[in-house]
Each structure stands twice: as structure tokens, then as C-alpha cells.
N, C-alpha and C. Protein backbone atom coordinates (compact mmCIF):
# COMPACT_ATOMS: atom_id res chain seq x y z
N MET A 1 140.48 43.35 133.40
CA MET A 1 140.61 41.93 133.66
C MET A 1 142.07 41.66 134.07
N LYS A 2 142.25 40.86 135.09
CA LYS A 2 143.59 40.58 135.60
C LYS A 2 144.36 39.67 134.66
N SER A 3 145.66 39.91 134.62
CA SER A 3 146.58 39.15 133.78
C SER A 3 147.33 38.14 134.65
N GLU A 4 148.02 37.22 134.00
CA GLU A 4 148.88 36.28 134.72
C GLU A 4 150.24 36.90 135.02
N LEU A 5 150.55 38.01 134.34
CA LEU A 5 151.86 38.64 134.48
C LEU A 5 151.96 39.49 135.74
N LEU A 6 153.18 39.53 136.28
CA LEU A 6 153.48 40.44 137.38
C LEU A 6 154.41 41.52 136.87
N CYS A 7 154.22 42.73 137.37
CA CYS A 7 155.04 43.86 136.96
C CYS A 7 156.48 43.66 137.44
N VAL A 8 157.44 43.86 136.55
CA VAL A 8 158.85 43.71 136.93
C VAL A 8 159.32 44.88 137.77
N ASN A 9 158.61 46.01 137.71
CA ASN A 9 159.02 47.17 138.51
C ASN A 9 158.56 47.09 139.96
N CYS A 10 157.30 46.71 140.16
CA CYS A 10 156.77 46.76 141.53
C CYS A 10 156.17 45.44 142.02
N GLY A 11 156.02 44.45 141.13
CA GLY A 11 155.52 43.14 141.54
C GLY A 11 154.02 43.00 141.58
N HIS A 12 153.26 44.04 141.27
CA HIS A 12 151.80 43.93 141.26
C HIS A 12 151.32 43.16 140.03
N GLN A 13 150.11 42.61 140.15
CA GLN A 13 149.52 41.88 139.04
C GLN A 13 149.07 42.85 137.95
N MET A 14 149.42 42.54 136.71
CA MET A 14 149.08 43.37 135.58
C MET A 14 147.60 43.20 135.21
N LEU A 15 147.06 44.17 134.48
CA LEU A 15 145.68 44.12 134.00
C LEU A 15 145.66 44.16 132.48
N HIS A 16 144.75 43.37 131.87
CA HIS A 16 144.51 43.46 130.43
C HIS A 16 143.70 44.73 130.20
N THR A 17 144.16 45.58 129.31
CA THR A 17 143.43 46.79 128.98
C THR A 17 143.81 47.22 127.57
N LYS A 18 143.30 48.36 127.13
CA LYS A 18 143.64 48.89 125.81
C LYS A 18 144.03 50.35 125.94
N LEU A 19 145.05 50.74 125.18
CA LEU A 19 145.39 52.15 125.07
C LEU A 19 144.49 52.73 123.98
N PRO A 20 143.82 53.86 124.23
CA PRO A 20 142.96 54.44 123.21
C PRO A 20 143.73 54.81 121.95
N LYS A 21 144.98 55.28 122.11
CA LYS A 21 145.82 55.56 120.94
C LYS A 21 147.28 55.47 121.34
N TYR A 22 148.08 55.07 120.36
CA TYR A 22 149.53 54.94 120.55
C TYR A 22 150.18 55.28 119.22
N VAL A 23 151.19 56.14 119.26
CA VAL A 23 151.85 56.59 118.02
C VAL A 23 153.11 55.77 117.79
N VAL A 24 153.19 55.19 116.59
CA VAL A 24 154.38 54.45 116.15
C VAL A 24 154.99 55.24 115.00
N ASN A 25 156.28 55.50 115.07
CA ASN A 25 156.96 56.17 113.97
C ASN A 25 157.60 55.14 113.07
N THR A 26 157.44 55.33 111.76
CA THR A 26 158.10 54.45 110.80
C THR A 26 159.59 54.78 110.80
N TYR A 27 160.38 53.97 110.13
CA TYR A 27 161.81 54.24 110.03
C TYR A 27 162.09 55.53 109.27
N LEU A 28 161.10 55.99 108.47
CA LEU A 28 161.23 57.26 107.76
C LEU A 28 160.58 58.40 108.56
N LEU A 29 160.32 58.13 109.84
CA LEU A 29 159.76 59.10 110.80
C LEU A 29 158.36 59.59 110.46
N GLN A 30 157.59 58.76 109.78
CA GLN A 30 156.19 59.04 109.54
C GLN A 30 155.39 58.52 110.73
N PRO A 31 154.64 59.38 111.42
CA PRO A 31 153.84 58.88 112.56
C PRO A 31 152.61 58.12 112.07
N VAL A 32 152.31 57.01 112.75
CA VAL A 32 151.11 56.23 112.49
C VAL A 32 150.40 56.09 113.83
N VAL A 33 149.15 56.55 113.90
CA VAL A 33 148.38 56.46 115.14
C VAL A 33 147.65 55.13 115.15
N CYS A 34 147.94 54.32 116.15
CA CYS A 34 147.27 53.02 116.33
C CYS A 34 146.20 53.18 117.39
N LEU A 35 145.00 52.71 117.10
CA LEU A 35 143.86 52.86 118.02
C LEU A 35 143.54 51.55 118.71
N ASP A 36 143.07 51.66 119.96
CA ASP A 36 142.62 50.51 120.75
C ASP A 36 143.69 49.42 120.82
N VAL A 37 144.87 49.80 121.29
CA VAL A 37 146.02 48.89 121.35
C VAL A 37 145.95 48.03 122.61
N PRO A 38 145.86 46.69 122.48
CA PRO A 38 145.82 45.83 123.65
C PRO A 38 147.18 45.81 124.36
N VAL A 39 147.14 45.98 125.70
CA VAL A 39 148.35 46.00 126.51
C VAL A 39 148.10 45.32 127.85
N GLU A 40 149.19 45.07 128.54
CA GLU A 40 149.14 44.67 129.94
C GLU A 40 149.65 45.89 130.71
N LYS A 41 148.86 46.39 131.67
CA LYS A 41 149.23 47.61 132.39
C LYS A 41 149.19 47.38 133.89
N CYS A 42 150.22 47.89 134.58
CA CYS A 42 150.28 47.77 136.02
C CYS A 42 149.42 48.87 136.65
N PRO A 43 148.44 48.49 137.48
CA PRO A 43 147.59 49.50 138.10
C PRO A 43 148.32 50.29 139.19
N ASN A 44 149.45 49.77 139.65
CA ASN A 44 150.19 50.43 140.73
C ASN A 44 151.17 51.48 140.20
N CYS A 45 152.05 51.10 139.26
CA CYS A 45 153.09 52.02 138.80
C CYS A 45 152.90 52.51 137.37
N GLY A 46 151.93 51.93 136.63
CA GLY A 46 151.65 52.39 135.28
C GLY A 46 152.51 51.75 134.20
N GLU A 47 153.40 50.83 134.56
CA GLU A 47 154.24 50.15 133.56
C GLU A 47 153.34 49.46 132.52
N ILE A 48 153.74 49.52 131.26
CA ILE A 48 152.96 48.93 130.17
C ILE A 48 153.80 47.92 129.43
N TYR A 49 153.21 46.75 129.17
CA TYR A 49 153.83 45.72 128.34
C TYR A 49 152.96 45.53 127.11
N PHE A 50 153.60 45.41 125.96
CA PHE A 50 152.88 45.08 124.73
C PHE A 50 153.00 43.59 124.50
N PRO A 51 151.89 42.90 124.22
CA PRO A 51 151.97 41.49 123.87
C PRO A 51 152.84 41.32 122.61
N ALA A 52 153.42 40.15 122.47
CA ALA A 52 154.35 39.88 121.36
C ALA A 52 153.71 40.17 120.00
N GLU A 53 152.45 39.77 119.81
CA GLU A 53 151.83 39.99 118.51
C GLU A 53 151.63 41.48 118.21
N VAL A 54 151.41 42.29 119.25
CA VAL A 54 151.29 43.74 119.06
C VAL A 54 152.66 44.33 118.72
N ALA A 55 153.69 43.91 119.43
CA ALA A 55 155.05 44.39 119.15
C ALA A 55 155.46 44.03 117.72
N GLU A 56 155.07 42.84 117.25
CA GLU A 56 155.38 42.43 115.88
C GLU A 56 154.66 43.31 114.86
N LEU A 57 153.40 43.68 115.15
CA LEU A 57 152.68 44.58 114.26
C LEU A 57 153.33 45.96 114.23
N PHE A 58 153.80 46.44 115.39
CA PHE A 58 154.52 47.72 115.43
C PHE A 58 155.75 47.65 114.53
N GLU A 59 156.45 46.54 114.54
CA GLU A 59 157.65 46.39 113.70
C GLU A 59 157.27 46.41 112.22
N GLU A 60 156.15 45.78 111.87
CA GLU A 60 155.68 45.83 110.49
C GLU A 60 155.33 47.27 110.09
N ILE A 61 154.71 48.01 111.01
CA ILE A 61 154.38 49.40 110.73
C ILE A 61 155.66 50.21 110.55
N ARG A 62 156.63 50.02 111.44
CA ARG A 62 157.90 50.75 111.33
C ARG A 62 158.60 50.49 110.00
N SER A 63 158.56 49.26 109.53
CA SER A 63 159.24 48.93 108.28
C SER A 63 158.34 49.16 107.06
N GLU A 64 157.14 49.70 107.32
CA GLU A 64 156.18 50.04 106.29
C GLU A 64 155.72 48.83 105.47
N CYS A 65 155.67 47.67 106.10
CA CYS A 65 155.17 46.47 105.44
C CYS A 65 153.73 46.19 105.83
N PHE A 66 153.17 47.00 106.70
CA PHE A 66 151.82 46.81 107.21
C PHE A 66 150.85 47.60 106.33
N GLU A 67 149.76 46.98 105.93
CA GLU A 67 148.78 47.67 105.08
C GLU A 67 147.88 48.53 105.96
N ILE A 68 147.98 49.83 105.79
CA ILE A 68 147.14 50.75 106.55
C ILE A 68 145.91 51.04 105.71
N ARG A 69 144.74 50.68 106.24
CA ARG A 69 143.51 50.78 105.47
C ARG A 69 142.86 52.16 105.58
N ASP A 70 142.94 52.76 106.75
CA ASP A 70 142.29 54.05 106.96
C ASP A 70 143.33 55.13 107.15
N LYS A 71 143.12 56.27 106.51
CA LYS A 71 144.01 57.41 106.66
C LYS A 71 143.16 58.64 106.89
N ILE A 72 143.64 59.50 107.77
CA ILE A 72 143.00 60.79 107.99
C ILE A 72 144.05 61.87 107.81
N THR A 73 143.59 63.05 107.48
CA THR A 73 144.49 64.19 107.36
C THR A 73 144.22 65.12 108.51
N MET A 74 145.28 65.57 109.17
CA MET A 74 145.11 66.49 110.28
C MET A 74 146.19 67.55 110.25
N GLU A 75 145.85 68.72 110.73
CA GLU A 75 146.82 69.79 110.80
C GLU A 75 147.53 69.73 112.14
N ILE A 76 148.84 69.88 112.10
CA ILE A 76 149.65 69.89 113.32
C ILE A 76 150.32 71.25 113.42
N PRO A 77 150.09 71.99 114.52
CA PRO A 77 150.70 73.31 114.63
C PRO A 77 152.22 73.20 114.72
N ALA A 78 152.89 74.17 114.08
CA ALA A 78 154.34 74.23 114.12
C ALA A 78 154.74 75.68 114.36
N CYS A 79 155.85 75.87 115.04
CA CYS A 79 156.34 77.22 115.26
C CYS A 79 157.86 77.23 115.11
N SER A 80 158.36 78.39 114.76
CA SER A 80 159.80 78.57 114.60
C SER A 80 160.40 79.11 115.88
N LEU A 81 161.30 78.40 116.47
CA LEU A 81 161.97 78.89 117.67
C LEU A 81 162.99 79.98 117.32
N ASP A 82 163.48 79.96 116.08
CA ASP A 82 164.41 81.02 115.65
C ASP A 82 163.76 82.39 115.81
N LEU A 83 162.51 82.51 115.39
CA LEU A 83 161.81 83.80 115.50
C LEU A 83 161.59 84.18 116.96
N ALA A 84 161.23 83.22 117.77
CA ALA A 84 160.98 83.51 119.18
C ALA A 84 162.26 83.90 119.91
N LEU A 85 163.36 83.23 119.57
CA LEU A 85 164.63 83.53 120.24
C LEU A 85 165.27 84.81 119.73
N ALA A 86 164.96 85.22 118.51
CA ALA A 86 165.56 86.42 117.91
C ALA A 86 164.97 87.70 118.51
N GLY A 87 163.74 87.61 118.99
CA GLY A 87 163.05 88.83 119.46
C GLY A 87 163.27 89.04 120.88
């Protein structure tokens, strides 16, 4: 759906859409995955704007004042570059 906003980079009309996922890091560097994030996105250059209420929620998440209702546990692969560089 078309937005009233114009892209500041290229001047095209923005579109209302949702990002399937967006990672916000807290101030203690804990990642929080946000799903179905509403944004304004430029179909021409890909520039993304977050609405003010979304940006405010991100700030609450960063300061850990936001109540996170659902949590999942996932394994994230890690490797040591020291070992790779030593060999």
C-alpha cells in the first residue's frame, strides 16, 4: 500500500510494508528478534523508515523496559579465529 511519504534518497513514493524480522540489541548487547515490523520502504532504492511508535518500542527494548512475552532458545554457531589463524 502506498504511503504519503517520499524517499529522501531518491524521491520515490514509499510503501507501507512489514519486515519479517528485525534484530534490536539491548544496551547490554542482548539481541531481541522483532517479528512483522511495520515500516515504510522505498521500492526504488530500498531505504527503510520506521514509524515513530515503532522506533519508540525499539528504544524500550534497548533499555529493557519492554515486556517480552515469548522467548525461544536457539543455537548460534561460533568459531575461534585464533585457531584458524594459528594453523
